Amino acid sequence: MTAMPVLIPVRQEVEVADGVVAVVNGDGSAGQSNSVLLLGGPATVIDTMLLPEMASGIVDALTRRGRRAELVVNTHIHTDHIGGNVLFDGVPIIAHPRTVTGMRKMIGEPGLPSLLAKVMPRFAALLADWDSVAAKPVPPAGIEAALPEGARVLAFTDTHSAADLAVWLPAERVLVSGDLCFAGVTPLAVHGRVGRWRSALDQLIALGPRVIVPGHGQPAGIEALHDLAGYFDRVLAAARLAQAEGLSAEAVWARFDPGPAAVWLEPERTLVNIQVALSETTGKQFQGEHRVPQDPDPSHSR
């Protein structure tokens, strides 16, 4: 039987401000993360997607503008944000030191490609030999100094992942959030902490961004941060209920009201988020993988 070809998602280029281009990857569901180009100083690429076949669109976007990448910044460790690093040979690639520590352990792990194929079956044929290039560890202040003038770096630990970076462009009021914000896609906290992520959102909201380029989904306004904060408030409330009534995460998930998140992609991730929040509430460590179960309630996918 002939294997079906892998369809690479359609990428859109959205100029969210002068010299700031979002390369939006597909619908933002599993494996489809965004990249951002900052063209006002050293041509900077923020995140490089999952696969070189996806990241080629980043190179094309630069080429059409007569530019070449001079700097790459990885916002965090997840494979769907670093897989295109291999296309930027000779370009400085930098990230938070905690991110790089994890990268060095993860890249080259024999079992990683098979795990990725299970998590993202749509791209399984291209993940069989997934590999990447680890970034150089640079403190947040050093990353900020390397970016185009005026850009600020905000660093958070134990939020979506062990370390997450956001880039704030105050003159343009544009926030490049990495995976600290998802727009129209259910977030996943399996490698982070829901409570700390929720607190980080308050800090991002306080900036008053005009435009947010999320890690997944279409560029949006500040309402994307408010919607995500509201979603996490519901998740944390569900975890408190589970602890108070001695219920399992599955039990409270079965009657979870997602509110506006009912129409978001990947709704089954909510169970994982409740499990993580419950582990924070009880102090019992949650041992999970970057995968999610099937949703037993079709109403959650409305």
C-alpha atoms as a PDB file:
ATOM      1  CA  MET A   1       0.000   0.000   0.000  1.00  0.00           C
ATOM      2  CA  THR A   2       1.339   3.407  -0.958  1.00  0.00           C
ATOM      3  CA  ALA A   3       1.716   5.785   1.964  1.00  0.00           C
ATOM      4  CA  MET A   4      -0.415   8.889   1.812  1.00  0.00           C
ATOM      5  CA  PRO A   5       1.620  12.061   1.280  1.00  0.00           C
ATOM      6  CA  VAL A   6       1.943  14.424   4.214  1.00  0.00           C
ATOM      7  CA  LEU A   7       0.183  17.696   3.561  1.00  0.00           C
ATOM      8  CA  ILE A   8       2.146  20.601   4.985  1.00  0.00           C
ATOM      9  CA  PRO A   9      -0.264  23.210   6.373  1.00  0.00           C
ATOM     10  CA  VAL A  10      -0.779  26.412   4.444  1.00  0.00           C
ATOM     11  CA  ARG A  11       1.251  29.232   5.945  1.00  0.00           C
ATOM     12  CA  GLN A  12       0.060  32.826   5.899  1.00  0.00           C
ATOM     13  CA  GLU A  13       2.188  35.924   6.263  1.00  0.00           C
ATOM     14  CA  VAL A  14       0.522  38.627   8.337  1.00  0.00           C
ATOM     15  CA  GLU A  15       2.304  41.967   8.780  1.00  0.00           C
ATOM     16  CA  VAL A  16       1.055  42.914  12.231  1.00  0.00           C
ATOM     17  CA  ALA A  17       3.163  46.092  12.385  1.00  0.00           C
ATOM     18  CA  ASP A  18       5.835  47.782  10.324  1.00  0.00           C
ATOM     19  CA  GLY A  19       8.693  45.282  10.105  1.00  0.00           C
ATOM     20  CA  VAL A  20       6.897  42.639  12.187  1.00  0.00           C
ATOM     21  CA  VAL A  21       5.634  39.647  10.202  1.00  0.00           C
ATOM     22  CA  ALA A  22       3.763  36.698  11.667  1.00  0.00           C
ATOM     23  CA  VAL A  23       4.166  33.465   9.710  1.00  0.00           C
ATOM     24  CA  VAL A  24       0.969  31.699  10.734  1.00  0.00           C
ATOM     25  CA  ASN A  25       1.138  27.933  10.402  1.00  0.00           C
ATOM     26  CA  GLY A  26      -2.130  26.205   9.531  1.00  0.00           C
ATOM     27  CA  ASP A  27      -4.965  26.291  12.060  1.00  0.00           C
ATOM     28  CA  GLY A  28      -2.678  26.147  15.096  1.00  0.00           C
ATOM     29  CA  SER A  29      -3.585  22.614  16.151  1.00  0.00           C
ATOM     30  CA  ALA A  30      -1.009  20.012  17.199  1.00  0.00           C
ATOM     31  CA  GLY A  31       2.306  20.504  15.429  1.00  0.00           C
ATOM     32  CA  GLN A  32       1.270  23.775  13.752  1.00  0.00           C
ATOM     33  CA  SER A  33       3.023  26.591  15.591  1.00  0.00           C
ATOM     34  CA  ASN A  34       3.733  30.119  14.400  1.00  0.00           C
ATOM     35  CA  SER A  35       6.939  32.010  13.741  1.00  0.00           C
ATOM     36  CA  VAL A  36       7.601  35.743  13.791  1.00  0.00           C
ATOM     37  CA  LEU A  37      10.056  37.846  11.812  1.00  0.00           C
ATOM     38  CA  LEU A  38      11.473  41.049  13.292  1.00  0.00           C
ATOM     39  CA  LEU A  39      12.991  43.089  10.473  1.00  0.00           C
ATOM     40  CA  GLY A  40      13.815  46.364  12.198  1.00  0.00           C
ATOM     41  CA  GLY A  41      17.402  45.492  13.158  1.00  0.00           C
ATOM     42  CA  PRO A  42      19.184  42.182  12.837  1.00  0.00           C
ATOM     43  CA  ALA A  43      16.660  40.083  10.902  1.00  0.00           C
ATOM     44  CA  THR A  44      15.358  37.902  13.707  1.00  0.00           C
ATOM     45  CA  VAL A  45      13.333  34.698  13.540  1.00  0.00           C
ATOM     46  CA  ILE A  46      11.341  33.839  16.646  1.00  0.00           C
ATOM     47  CA  ASP A  47      10.634  30.077  16.670  1.00  0.00           C
ATOM     48  CA  THR A  48      11.132  27.739  13.718  1.00  0.00           C
ATOM     49  CA  MET A  49       8.116  25.389  13.673  1.00  0.00           C
ATOM     50  CA  LEU A  50       8.135  21.586  13.811  1.00  0.00           C
ATOM     51  CA  LEU A  51       9.695  20.522  10.531  1.00  0.00           C
ATOM     52  CA  PRO A  52      12.171  21.908   8.017  1.00  0.00           C
ATOM     53  CA  GLU A  53       9.414  21.520   5.421  1.00  0.00           C
ATOM     54  CA  MET A  54       7.382  24.016   7.443  1.00  0.00           C
ATOM     55  CA  ALA A  55      10.292  26.306   8.261  1.00  0.00           C
ATOM     56  CA  SER A  56      11.098  26.686   4.563  1.00  0.00           C
ATOM     57  CA  GLY A  57       8.194  29.138   4.531  1.00  0.00           C
ATOM     58  CA  ILE A  58      10.081  31.295   7.027  1.00  0.00           C
ATOM     59  CA  VAL A  59      13.110  31.390   4.739  1.00  0.00           C
ATOM     60  CA  ASP A  60      10.885  32.223   1.763  1.00  0.00           C
ATOM     61  CA  ALA A  61       9.236  35.089   3.676  1.00  0.00           C
ATOM     62  CA  LEU A  62      12.644  36.559   4.446  1.00  0.00           C
ATOM     63  CA  THR A  63      13.922  36.084   0.897  1.00  0.00           C
ATOM     64  CA  ARG A  64      10.942  37.878  -0.623  1.00  0.00           C
ATOM     65  CA  ARG A  65      11.813  40.847   1.579  1.00  0.00           C
ATOM     66  CA  GLY A  66      15.453  40.795   0.556  1.00  0.00           C
ATOM     67  CA  ARG A  67      16.599  39.596   3.975  1.00  0.00           C
ATOM     68  CA  ARG A  68      18.381  36.626   5.504  1.00  0.00           C
ATOM     69  CA  ALA A  69      18.105  35.458   9.078  1.00  0.00           C
ATOM     70  CA  GLU A  70      20.757  36.974  11.324  1.00  0.00           C
ATOM     71  CA  LEU A  71      19.413  35.661  14.640  1.00  0.00           C
ATOM     72  CA  VAL A  72      17.054  32.899  15.776  1.00  0.00           C
ATOM     73  CA  VAL A  73      15.336  32.884  19.174  1.00  0.00           C
ATOM     74  CA  ASN A  74      13.533  29.794  20.498  1.00  0.00           C
ATOM     75  CA  THR A  75      10.836  30.767  23.001  1.00  0.00           C
ATOM     76  CA  HIS A  76      10.788  27.350  24.676  1.00  0.00           C
ATOM     77  CA  ILE A  77      11.740  23.711  24.341  1.00  0.00           C
ATOM     78  CA  HIS A  78       8.828  22.092  22.540  1.00  0.00           C
ATOM     79  CA  THR A  79       9.673  20.372  19.277  1.00  0.00           C
ATOM     80  CA  ASP A  80       7.056  22.254  17.265  1.00  0.00           C
ATOM     81  CA  HIS A  81       8.995  25.465  17.926  1.00  0.00           C
ATOM     82  CA  ILE A  82      12.555  24.271  17.303  1.00  0.00           C
ATOM     83  CA  GLY A  83      12.395  21.702  14.498  1.00  0.00           C
ATOM     84  CA  GLY A  84      13.306  24.222  11.808  1.00  0.00           C
ATOM     85  CA  ASN A  85      16.533  25.231  13.545  1.00  0.00           C
ATOM     86  CA  VAL A  86      18.353  22.926  11.137  1.00  0.00           C
ATOM     87  CA  LEU A  87      17.674  25.356   8.275  1.00  0.00           C
ATOM     88  CA  PHE A  88      19.619  28.155   9.937  1.00  0.00           C
ATOM     89  CA  ASP A  89      23.145  26.799   9.802  1.00  0.00           C
ATOM     90  CA  GLY A  90      25.659  29.494  10.701  1.00  0.00           C
ATOM     91  CA  VAL A  91      23.009  31.742  12.252  1.00  0.00           C
ATOM     92  CA  PRO A  92      23.205  32.331  16.026  1.00  0.00           C
ATOM     93  CA  ILE A  93      20.372  30.416  17.715  1.00  0.00           C
ATOM     94  CA  ILE A  94      19.714  31.415  21.318  1.00  0.00           C
ATOM     95  CA  ALA A  95      17.284  30.496  24.091  1.00  0.00           C
ATOM     96  CA  HIS A  96      16.796  30.618  27.858  1.00  0.00           C
ATOM     97  CA  PRO A  97      19.424  28.489  29.662  1.00  0.00           C
ATOM     98  CA  ARG A  98      16.740  26.217  31.152  1.00  0.00           C
ATOM     99  CA  THR A  99      15.359  25.624  27.674  1.00  0.00           C
ATOM    100  CA  VAL A 100      18.775  24.738  26.318  1.00  0.00           C
ATOM    101  CA  THR A 101      19.471  22.290  29.144  1.00  0.00           C
ATOM    102  CA  GLY A 102      16.310  20.449  28.187  1.00  0.00           C
ATOM    103  CA  MET A 103      17.090  20.655  24.473  1.00  0.00           C
ATOM    104  CA  ARG A 104      20.457  19.019  24.914  1.00  0.00           C
ATOM    105  CA  LYS A 105      18.867  16.099  26.761  1.00  0.00           C
ATOM    106  CA  MET A 106      15.966  15.777  24.335  1.00  0.00           C
ATOM    107  CA  ILE A 107      17.585  16.110  20.912  1.00  0.00           C
ATOM    108  CA  GLY A 108      18.906  12.762  19.785  1.00  0.00           C
ATOM    109  CA  GLU A 109      16.798  10.730  22.220  1.00  0.00           C
ATOM    110  CA  PRO A 110      16.150   7.453  20.352  1.00  0.00           C
ATOM    111  CA  GLY A 111      12.491   7.226  21.387  1.00  0.00           C
ATOM    112  CA  LEU A 112      11.565  10.832  20.633  1.00  0.00           C
ATOM    113  CA  PRO A 113      10.556  10.466  16.959  1.00  0.00           C
ATOM    114  CA  SER A 114       8.140   7.620  17.721  1.00  0.00           C
ATOM    115  CA  LEU A 115       6.600   9.615  20.582  1.00  0.00           C
ATOM    116  CA  LEU A 116       6.182  12.638  18.320  1.00  0.00           C
ATOM    117  CA  ALA A 117       4.516  10.470  15.679  1.00  0.00           C
ATOM    118  CA  LYS A 118       1.962   9.314  18.255  1.00  0.00           C
ATOM    119  CA  VAL A 119       1.313  12.847  19.451  1.00  0.00           C
ATOM    120  CA  MET A 120       1.113  14.285  15.930  1.00  0.00           C
ATOM    121  CA  PRO A 121       0.059  11.394  13.662  1.00  0.00           C
ATOM    122  CA  ARG A 122      -0.746  13.777  10.818  1.00  0.00           C
ATOM    123  CA  PHE A 123       3.002  14.344  10.371  1.00  0.00           C
ATOM    124  CA  ALA A 124       4.199  10.861  11.360  1.00  0.00           C
ATOM    125  CA  ALA A 125       5.862  10.143   8.009  1.00  0.00           C
ATOM    126  CA  LEU A 126       8.095  13.199   8.393  1.00  0.00           C
ATOM    127  CA  LEU A 127       8.859  12.623  12.074  1.00  0.00           C
ATOM    128  CA  ALA A 128      10.578   9.237  11.755  1.00  0.00           C
ATOM    129  CA  ASP A 129      14.016  10.864  11.836  1.00  0.00           C
ATOM    130  CA  TRP A 130      13.120  14.145  13.560  1.00  0.00           C
ATOM    131  CA  ASP A 131      16.168  16.022  14.748  1.00  0.00           C
ATOM    132  CA  SER A 132      17.135  19.572  15.552  1.00  0.00           C
ATOM    133  CA  VAL A 133      19.975  21.840  16.620  1.00  0.00           C
ATOM    134  CA  ALA A 134      20.205  22.986  20.219  1.00  0.00           C
ATOM    135  CA  ALA A 135      20.325  26.700  20.875  1.00  0.00           C
ATOM    136  CA  LYS A 136      23.072  28.505  22.757  1.00  0.00           C
ATOM    137  CA  PRO A 137      22.110  29.335  26.365  1.00  0.00           C
ATOM    138  CA  VAL A 138      21.765  33.080  26.883  1.00  0.00           C
ATOM    139  CA  PRO A 139      20.179  34.831  29.880  1.00  0.00           C
ATOM    140  CA  PRO A 140      17.031  36.826  29.107  1.00  0.00           C
ATOM    141  CA  ALA A 141      18.919  40.126  29.391  1.00  0.00           C
ATOM    142  CA  GLY A 142      21.400  38.917  26.808  1.00  0.00           C
ATOM    143  CA  ILE A 143      18.636  37.819  24.462  1.00  0.00           C
ATOM    144  CA  GLU A 144      17.032  41.241  24.808  1.00  0.00           C
ATOM    145  CA  ALA A 145      20.345  42.924  23.973  1.00  0.00           C
ATOM    146  CA  ALA A 146      20.643  40.833  20.799  1.00  0.00           C
ATOM    147  CA  LEU A 147      17.166  41.706  19.494  1.00  0.00           C
ATOM    148  CA  PRO A 148      16.306  44.758  17.379  1.00  0.00           C
ATOM    149  CA  GLU A 149      16.392  47.999  19.351  1.00  0.00           C
ATOM    150  CA  GLY A 150      13.405  48.570  21.586  1.00  0.00           C
ATOM    151  CA  ALA A 151      12.344  44.941  21.898  1.00  0.00           C
ATOM    152  CA  ARG A 152      11.939  43.653  25.435  1.00  0.00           C
ATOM    153  CA  VAL A 153      12.143  40.071  26.637  1.00  0.00           C
ATOM    154  CA  LEU A 154       9.883  38.723  29.354  1.00  0.00           C
ATOM    155  CA  ALA A 155      10.918  35.411  30.886  1.00  0.00           C
ATOM    156  CA  PHE A 156       8.743  33.026  32.883  1.00  0.00           C
ATOM    157  CA  THR A 157       9.588  29.686  34.441  1.00  0.00           C
ATOM    158  CA  ASP A 158       7.345  26.680  35.070  1.00  0.00           C
ATOM    159  CA  THR A 159       4.432  28.168  33.118  1.00  0.00           C
ATOM    160  CA  HIS A 160       3.738  26.431  29.795  1.00  0.00           C
ATOM    161  CA  SER A 161       7.136  24.742  30.017  1.00  0.00           C
ATOM    162  CA  ALA A 162      10.258  24.908  32.160  1.00  0.00           C
ATOM    163  CA  ALA A 163      11.074  28.322  30.690  1.00  0.00           C
ATOM    164  CA  ASP A 164       9.048  30.490  28.315  1.00  0.00           C
ATOM    165  CA  LEU A 165       9.993  33.737  26.622  1.00  0.00           C
ATOM    166  CA  ALA A 166       7.735  36.455  25.254  1.00  0.00           C
ATOM    167  CA  VAL A 167       8.940  39.405  23.196  1.00  0.00           C
ATOM    168  CA  TRP A 168       7.241  42.762  23.766  1.00  0.00           C
ATOM    169  CA  LEU A 169       7.519  45.535  21.207  1.00  0.00           C
ATOM    170  CA  PRO A 170       6.281  48.588  23.155  1.00  0.00           C
ATOM    171  CA  ALA A 171       6.458  51.062  20.279  1.00  0.00           C
ATOM    172  CA  GLU A 172       4.201  48.877  18.146  1.00  0.00           C
ATOM    173  CA  ARG A 173       2.342  47.433  21.164  1.00  0.00           C
ATOM    174  CA  VAL A 174       2.835  43.972  19.699  1.00  0.00           C
ATOM    175  CA  LEU A 175       3.323  40.955  21.945  1.00  0.00           C
ATOM    176  CA  VAL A 176       5.016  37.869  20.529  1.00  0.00           C
ATOM    177  CA  SER A 177       3.853  35.430  23.167  1.00  0.00           C
ATOM    178  CA  GLY A 178       5.235  32.065  22.152  1.00  0.00           C
ATOM    179  CA  ASP A 179       3.074  29.421  23.789  1.00  0.00           C
ATOM    180  CA  LEU A 180       2.157  31.633  26.710  1.00  0.00           C
ATOM    181  CA  CYS A 181      -0.878  32.440  24.576  1.00  0.00           C
ATOM    182  CA  PHE A 182      -2.968  30.200  22.330  1.00  0.00           C
ATOM    183  CA  ALA A 183      -5.757  31.760  20.225  1.00  0.00           C
ATOM    184  CA  GLY A 184      -8.686  29.533  19.339  1.00  0.00           C
ATOM    185  CA  VAL A 185      -6.724  26.470  20.406  1.00  0.00           C
ATOM    186  CA  THR A 186      -6.891  24.773  23.809  1.00  0.00           C
ATOM    187  CA  PRO A 187      -3.560  25.212  25.630  1.00  0.00           C
ATOM    188  CA  LEU A 188      -1.593  22.327  27.093  1.00  0.00           C
ATOM    189  CA  ALA A 189       0.112  22.572  30.489  1.00  0.00           C
ATOM    190  CA  VAL A 190       1.485  19.041  30.673  1.00  0.00           C
ATOM    191  CA  HIS A 191       5.051  20.350  31.064  1.00  0.00           C
ATOM    192  CA  GLY A 192       4.202  23.388  33.162  1.00  0.00           C
ATOM    193  CA  ARG A 193       2.023  24.655  35.996  1.00  0.00           C
ATOM    194  CA  VAL A 194      -1.447  26.044  35.485  1.00  0.00           C
ATOM    195  CA  GLY A 195      -1.303  28.417  38.466  1.00  0.00           C
ATOM    196  CA  ARG A 196       1.968  30.024  37.419  1.00  0.00           C
ATOM    197  CA  TRP A 197       0.819  30.253  33.802  1.00  0.00           C
ATOM    198  CA  ARG A 198      -2.356  31.987  34.947  1.00  0.00           C
ATOM    199  CA  SER A 199      -0.296  34.521  36.925  1.00  0.00           C
ATOM    200  CA  ALA A 200       1.933  35.147  33.911  1.00  0.00           C
ATOM    201  CA  LEU A 201      -1.136  36.060  31.880  1.00  0.00           C
ATOM    202  CA  ASP A 202      -1.897  38.916  34.285  1.00  0.00           C
ATOM    203  CA  GLN A 203       1.551  40.337  33.605  1.00  0.00           C
ATOM    204  CA  LEU A 204       1.033  40.102  29.856  1.00  0.00           C
ATOM    205  CA  ILE A 205      -2.425  41.673  30.073  1.00  0.00           C
ATOM    206  CA  ALA A 206      -0.966  44.582  32.059  1.00  0.00           C
ATOM    207  CA  LEU A 207       1.180  45.482  29.038  1.00  0.00           C
ATOM    208  CA  GLY A 208      -1.960  46.436  27.119  1.00  0.00           C
ATOM    209  CA  PRO A 209      -0.938  44.880  23.786  1.00  0.00           C
ATOM    210  CA  ARG A 210      -2.708  45.967  20.612  1.00  0.00           C
ATOM    211  CA  VAL A 211      -1.802  42.755  18.783  1.00  0.00           C
ATOM    212  CA  ILE A 212      -0.767  39.365  20.116  1.00  0.00           C
ATOM    213  CA  VAL A 213       0.988  36.824  17.927  1.00  0.00           C
ATOM    214  CA  PRO A 214       0.223  33.565  19.752  1.00  0.00           C
ATOM    215  CA  GLY A 215       2.252  30.404  19.584  1.00  0.00           C
ATOM    216  CA  HIS A 216      -0.741  28.729  17.947  1.00  0.00           C
ATOM    217  CA  GLY A 217      -3.643  30.327  16.116  1.00  0.00           C
ATOM    218  CA  GLN A 218      -4.300  33.597  14.355  1.00  0.00           C
ATOM    219  CA  PRO A 219      -2.964  36.971  15.553  1.00  0.00           C
ATOM    220  CA  ALA A 220      -5.484  38.499  17.933  1.00  0.00           C
ATOM    221  CA  GLY A 221      -6.139  41.360  20.294  1.00  0.00           C
ATOM    222  CA  ILE A 222      -5.847  41.485  24.054  1.00  0.00           C
ATOM    223  CA  GLU A 223      -9.080  39.507  24.319  1.00  0.00           C
ATOM    224  CA  ALA A 224      -7.072  36.350  23.565  1.00  0.00           C
ATOM    225  CA  LEU A 225      -5.205  36.796  26.856  1.00  0.00           C
ATOM    226  CA  HIS A 226      -8.421  37.497  28.742  1.00  0.00           C
ATOM    227  CA  ASP A 227     -10.082  34.418  27.220  1.00  0.00           C
ATOM    228  CA  LEU A 228      -7.140  32.218  28.163  1.00  0.00           C
ATOM    229  CA  ALA A 229      -7.081  33.614  31.697  1.00  0.00           C
ATOM    230  CA  GLY A 230     -10.792  32.877  32.040  1.00  0.00           C
ATOM    231  CA  TYR A 231     -10.271  29.341  30.788  1.00  0.00           C
ATOM    232  CA  PHE A 232      -7.537  28.697  33.334  1.00  0.00           C
ATOM    233  CA  ASP A 233      -9.719  30.133  36.091  1.00  0.00           C
ATOM    234  CA  ARG A 234     -12.284  27.448  35.211  1.00  0.00           C
ATOM    235  CA  VAL A 235      -9.597  24.754  35.187  1.00  0.00           C
ATOM    236  CA  LEU A 236      -8.283  25.814  38.586  1.00  0.00           C
ATOM    237  CA  ALA A 237     -11.830  25.907  39.973  1.00  0.00           C
ATOM    238  CA  ALA A 238     -12.390  22.367  38.685  1.00  0.00           C
ATOM    239  CA  ALA A 239      -9.204  21.217  40.427  1.00  0.00           C
ATOM    240  CA  ARG A 240     -10.293  22.814  43.711  1.00  0.00           C
ATOM    241  CA  LEU A 241     -13.668  21.091  43.397  1.00  0.00           C
ATOM    242  CA  ALA A 242     -11.989  17.746  42.781  1.00  0.00           C
ATOM    243  CA  GLN A 243      -9.873  18.139  45.909  1.00  0.00           C
ATOM    244  CA  ALA A 244     -12.746  19.370  48.080  1.00  0.00           C
ATOM    245  CA  GLU A 245     -15.110  16.581  47.082  1.00  0.00           C
ATOM    246  CA  GLY A 246     -12.540  13.822  46.685  1.00  0.00           C
ATOM    247  CA  LEU A 247     -13.269  13.488  42.972  1.00  0.00           C
ATOM    248  CA  SER A 248     -10.974  12.403  40.187  1.00  0.00           C
ATOM    249  CA  ALA A 249      -9.861  14.787  37.460  1.00  0.00           C
ATOM    250  CA  GLU A 250     -11.870  12.681  35.032  1.00  0.00           C
ATOM    251  CA  ALA A 251     -15.033  13.151  37.114  1.00  0.00           C
ATOM    252  CA  VAL A 252     -14.855  16.933  37.156  1.00  0.00           C
ATOM    253  CA  TRP A 253     -13.837  17.020  33.505  1.00  0.00           C
ATOM    254  CA  ALA A 254     -16.986  15.101  32.580  1.00  0.00           C
ATOM    255  CA  ARG A 255     -19.077  18.017  33.846  1.00  0.00           C
ATOM    256  CA  PHE A 256     -16.617  20.804  33.033  1.00  0.00           C
ATOM    257  CA  ASP A 257     -18.112  23.927  31.497  1.00  0.00           C
ATOM    258  CA  PRO A 258     -15.481  25.282  29.088  1.00  0.00           C
ATOM    259  CA  GLY A 259     -17.345  28.538  28.499  1.00  0.00           C
ATOM    260  CA  PRO A 260     -16.038  30.354  25.412  1.00  0.00           C
ATOM    261  CA  ALA A 261     -13.358  27.648  25.033  1.00  0.00           C
ATOM    262  CA  ALA A 262     -16.069  25.200  23.878  1.00  0.00           C
ATOM    263  CA  VAL A 263     -15.272  26.113  20.276  1.00  0.00           C
ATOM    264  CA  TRP A 264     -11.480  25.911  20.593  1.00  0.00           C
ATOM    265  CA  LEU A 265      -9.486  23.235  18.800  1.00  0.00           C
ATOM    266  CA  GLU A 266      -7.977  20.314  20.772  1.00  0.00           C
ATOM    267  CA  PRO A 267     -10.633  20.336  23.559  1.00  0.00           C
ATOM    268  CA  GLU A 268      -9.452  16.995  24.978  1.00  0.00           C
ATOM    269  CA  ARG A 269      -6.391  18.758  26.398  1.00  0.00           C
ATOM    270  CA  THR A 270      -8.583  20.132  29.167  1.00  0.00           C
ATOM    271  CA  LEU A 271      -8.384  16.847  31.091  1.00  0.00           C
ATOM    272  CA  VAL A 272      -4.596  17.073  31.136  1.00  0.00           C
ATOM    273  CA  ASN A 273      -4.790  20.673  32.310  1.00  0.00           C
ATOM    274  CA  ILE A 274      -7.160  19.694  35.133  1.00  0.00           C
ATOM    275  CA  GLN A 275      -4.816  16.852  36.110  1.00  0.00           C
ATOM    276  CA  VAL A 276      -1.888  19.268  36.248  1.00  0.00           C
ATOM    277  CA  ALA A 277      -3.895  21.812  38.261  1.00  0.00           C
ATOM    278  CA  LEU A 278      -5.060  19.089  40.655  1.00  0.00           C
ATOM    279  CA  SER A 279      -1.477  17.950  41.178  1.00  0.00           C
ATOM    280  CA  GLU A 280      -0.596  21.535  42.124  1.00  0.00           C
ATOM    281  CA  THR A 281      -3.518  21.651  44.553  1.00  0.00           C
ATOM    282  CA  THR A 282      -2.745  18.327  46.231  1.00  0.00           C
ATOM    283  CA  GLY A 283       1.036  18.512  46.027  1.00  0.00           C
ATOM    284  CA  LYS A 284       1.171  15.151  44.262  1.00  0.00           C
ATOM    285  CA  GLN A 285       3.351  15.216  41.185  1.00  0.00           C
ATOM    286  CA  PHE A 286       1.577  14.596  37.888  1.00  0.00           C
ATOM    287  CA  GLN A 287       3.492  12.243  35.637  1.00  0.00           C
ATOM    288  CA  GLY A 288       2.312  12.834  32.113  1.00  0.00           C
ATOM    289  CA  GLU A 289       3.545  12.689  28.578  1.00  0.00           C
ATOM    290  CA  HIS A 290       2.978  15.190  25.805  1.00  0.00           C
ATOM    291  CA  ARG A 291      -0.137  13.363  24.676  1.00  0.00           C
ATOM    292  CA  VAL A 292      -3.817  13.614  25.463  1.00  0.00           C
ATOM    293  CA  PRO A 293      -6.663  11.093  25.834  1.00  0.00           C
ATOM    294  CA  GLN A 294      -9.790  10.889  23.748  1.00  0.00           C
ATOM    295  CA  ASP A 295     -12.662  13.084  24.893  1.00  0.00           C
ATOM    296  CA  PRO A 296     -15.524  10.878  26.176  1.00  0.00           C
ATOM    297  CA  ASP A 297     -18.081  13.683  25.892  1.00  0.00           C
ATOM    298  CA  PRO A 298     -18.791  14.868  22.329  1.00  0.00           C
ATOM    299  CA  SER A 299     -20.229  18.093  23.731  1.00  0.00           C
ATOM    300  CA  HIS A 300     -16.687  19.186  24.644  1.00  0.00           C
ATOM    301  CA  SER A 301     -15.809  19.462  20.946  1.00  0.00           C
ATOM    302  CA  ARG A 302     -18.590  21.817  19.981  1.00  0.00           C
END
